[in-house]
Structures are given as structure tokens and as C-alpha cells.
Protein backbone atom coordinates (compact mmCIF):
# COMPACT_ATOMS: atom_id res chain seq x y z
CA MET A 1 88.53 149.31 254.22
CA LYS A 2 89.61 149.02 250.48
CA LEU A 3 93.11 149.39 248.92
CA TRP A 4 93.54 151.10 245.70
CA LYS A 5 96.81 151.11 243.82
CA CYS A 6 97.94 153.93 241.52
CA SER A 7 98.72 152.50 238.12
CA ILE A 8 101.14 155.11 237.24
CA CYS A 9 103.49 155.05 240.48
CA GLY A 10 102.36 152.27 242.62
CA TYR A 11 101.20 154.25 245.62
CA VAL A 12 98.63 152.45 247.74
CA HIS A 13 95.62 154.43 249.13
CA GLU A 14 93.34 153.21 251.76
CA GLY A 15 89.83 154.19 251.84
CA GLU A 16 86.29 153.47 250.52
CA THR A 17 87.21 155.45 247.24
CA ALA A 18 90.46 156.22 245.58
CA PRO A 19 91.73 159.59 246.04
CA ALA A 20 90.82 162.38 243.60
CA VAL A 21 94.47 162.85 242.71
CA CYS A 22 97.41 160.67 243.78
CA PRO A 23 99.53 162.15 246.41
CA LYS A 24 102.71 160.87 245.06
CA CYS A 25 102.58 161.56 241.51
CA ASN A 26 99.33 163.63 240.95
CA ALA A 27 97.55 160.91 238.45
CA PRO A 28 93.96 161.48 238.29
CA GLN A 29 91.42 159.14 240.23
CA ASP A 30 90.82 157.08 237.26
CA LYS A 31 94.66 155.76 237.19
CA PHE A 32 93.88 153.88 240.63
CA VAL A 33 92.91 150.15 240.39
CA LEU A 34 90.88 148.48 243.27
CA MET A 35 93.30 145.76 244.83
CA ASP A 36 91.72 142.37 245.06
CA GLU A 37 91.26 140.87 248.44
CA SER A 38 94.51 138.52 248.27
CA ALA A 39 96.86 141.53 247.16
CA ALA A 40 95.27 143.63 249.95
CA GLU A 41 95.94 140.94 252.54
CA LYS A 42 99.55 140.66 251.49
CA ILE A 43 100.10 144.33 252.15
CA TYR A 44 98.26 144.31 255.72
CA ARG A 45 100.13 141.29 256.77
CA SER A 46 103.45 142.44 255.72
CA ASP A 47 103.27 146.01 257.24
CA LYS A 48 104.49 145.16 260.66
CA THR A 49 107.23 143.13 259.35
CA ASN A 50 108.30 145.86 256.90
CA ASP A 51 108.28 148.27 260.00
CA LEU A 52 110.45 145.86 261.88
CA GLN A 53 112.85 145.41 258.98
CA MET A 54 113.07 149.47 258.81
CA LYS A 55 113.90 149.32 262.41
CA LEU A 56 116.72 146.75 262.03
CA ILE A 57 118.02 149.15 259.28
CA THR A 58 118.02 152.09 261.74
CA LEU A 59 119.79 149.80 264.43
CA ALA A 60 122.26 148.94 262.22
CA MET A 61 123.06 152.43 261.21
CA GLU A 62 123.27 153.30 264.83
CA MET A 63 125.75 150.23 265.47
CA ASN A 64 127.80 151.50 262.61
CA ALA A 65 128.18 154.88 264.00
CA VAL A 66 129.42 153.33 267.46
CA ALA A 67 131.79 150.92 265.74
CA GLU A 68 133.14 153.95 263.73
CA ALA A 69 133.71 156.13 266.81
CA GLY A 70 135.53 153.06 268.56
CA ILE A 71 137.79 152.38 265.55
CA LYS A 72 138.61 155.96 265.74
CA ASP A 73 139.28 155.93 269.29
CA ASN A 74 141.91 153.22 268.74
CA LEU A 75 142.38 152.09 272.22
CA ASP A 76 144.11 148.90 271.63
CA PRO A 77 144.23 146.45 268.77
CA MET A 78 141.65 143.94 270.46
CA CYS A 79 139.30 146.89 271.26
CA VAL A 80 139.44 148.11 267.63
CA HIS A 81 138.97 144.29 266.27
CA VAL A 82 135.58 144.18 268.28
CA PHE A 83 134.65 147.51 266.48
CA GLU A 84 135.63 146.28 263.17
CA TYR A 85 133.58 143.36 263.75
CA ALA A 86 130.63 145.33 264.82
CA LYS A 87 130.77 147.34 261.73
CA LYS A 88 130.89 144.52 259.46
CA ALA A 89 128.00 142.81 261.10
CA ALA A 90 126.14 146.13 261.02
CA TRP A 91 126.51 146.32 257.35
CA GLU A 92 125.38 142.77 256.74
CA VAL A 93 122.23 143.13 258.79
CA LYS A 94 121.48 146.41 257.00
CA GLN A 95 121.99 144.69 253.56
CA MET A 96 119.75 141.68 254.57
CA ALA A 97 116.86 143.84 255.86
CA LYS A 98 116.97 145.97 252.69
CA ALA A 99 117.02 142.85 250.54
CA GLU A 100 114.06 141.55 252.53
CA ILE A 101 112.25 144.66 251.98
CA ALA A 102 112.76 144.65 248.25
CA GLY A 103 111.70 141.13 248.01
CA HIS A 104 108.34 142.08 249.70
CA VAL A 105 108.01 145.02 247.43
CA GLY A 106 108.73 142.58 244.30
CA LYS A 107 106.08 140.25 245.60
CA GLY A 108 103.56 143.19 246.12
CA LYS A 109 103.85 143.12 249.88
CA PHE A 110 104.54 146.88 250.78
């Protein structure tokens, strides 16, 4: 399968030919460029990792919600301390995963 990149918005299409119209920005087919084998391989190789990074972001958001509920419950200072720690850790994991995805995008691995 070939990968085609819209030169207007960056959308990547998989197929034997470029789409008639870009599904993201409505650019015509002639605005698509066939990606070379090296660029296409970057995208295919990073697809799973990017999905895993997005899963980390989702889990961090869930962890943050649990931590906020624990902080709000305010059972005792040590308990709240654990939830505050978890909230901070969730924020850090989320930011690292987002930065990693941004790095992949910057290197054409998306």
C-alpha cells in the first residue's frame, strides 16, 4: 500500500492512489504527494507507539480524576498526600506522552 500526504494540511492517506479530495481540508487530488519508502516506514513503525502514548494519556486522565476525588474526600492528611502525589504523577506522565507524540509528528512519524 502507498502513503500519500496532503501538501496543504498534512493528512496522510493510505491507498494505491491519492483520494479525489482531502477528507480533512478538501484540497484536490493534485495536492497529494506520494511519500517515499523511508517516510512511509516511519509512519507505519510509529503507529503502534503513538497509540500506546495516547493510551497513557487516557490512563493519566483517569488517574487524575481518581486523585481529585480522593483529595475532595479528604479522609486524612496521609491519604490526601497519596492522592496529591498521584495527581502530580498523572500530570507528568500526560505531559511526557504528549511531548513524545509531538516529537514524532515533528519527525514525520505520525
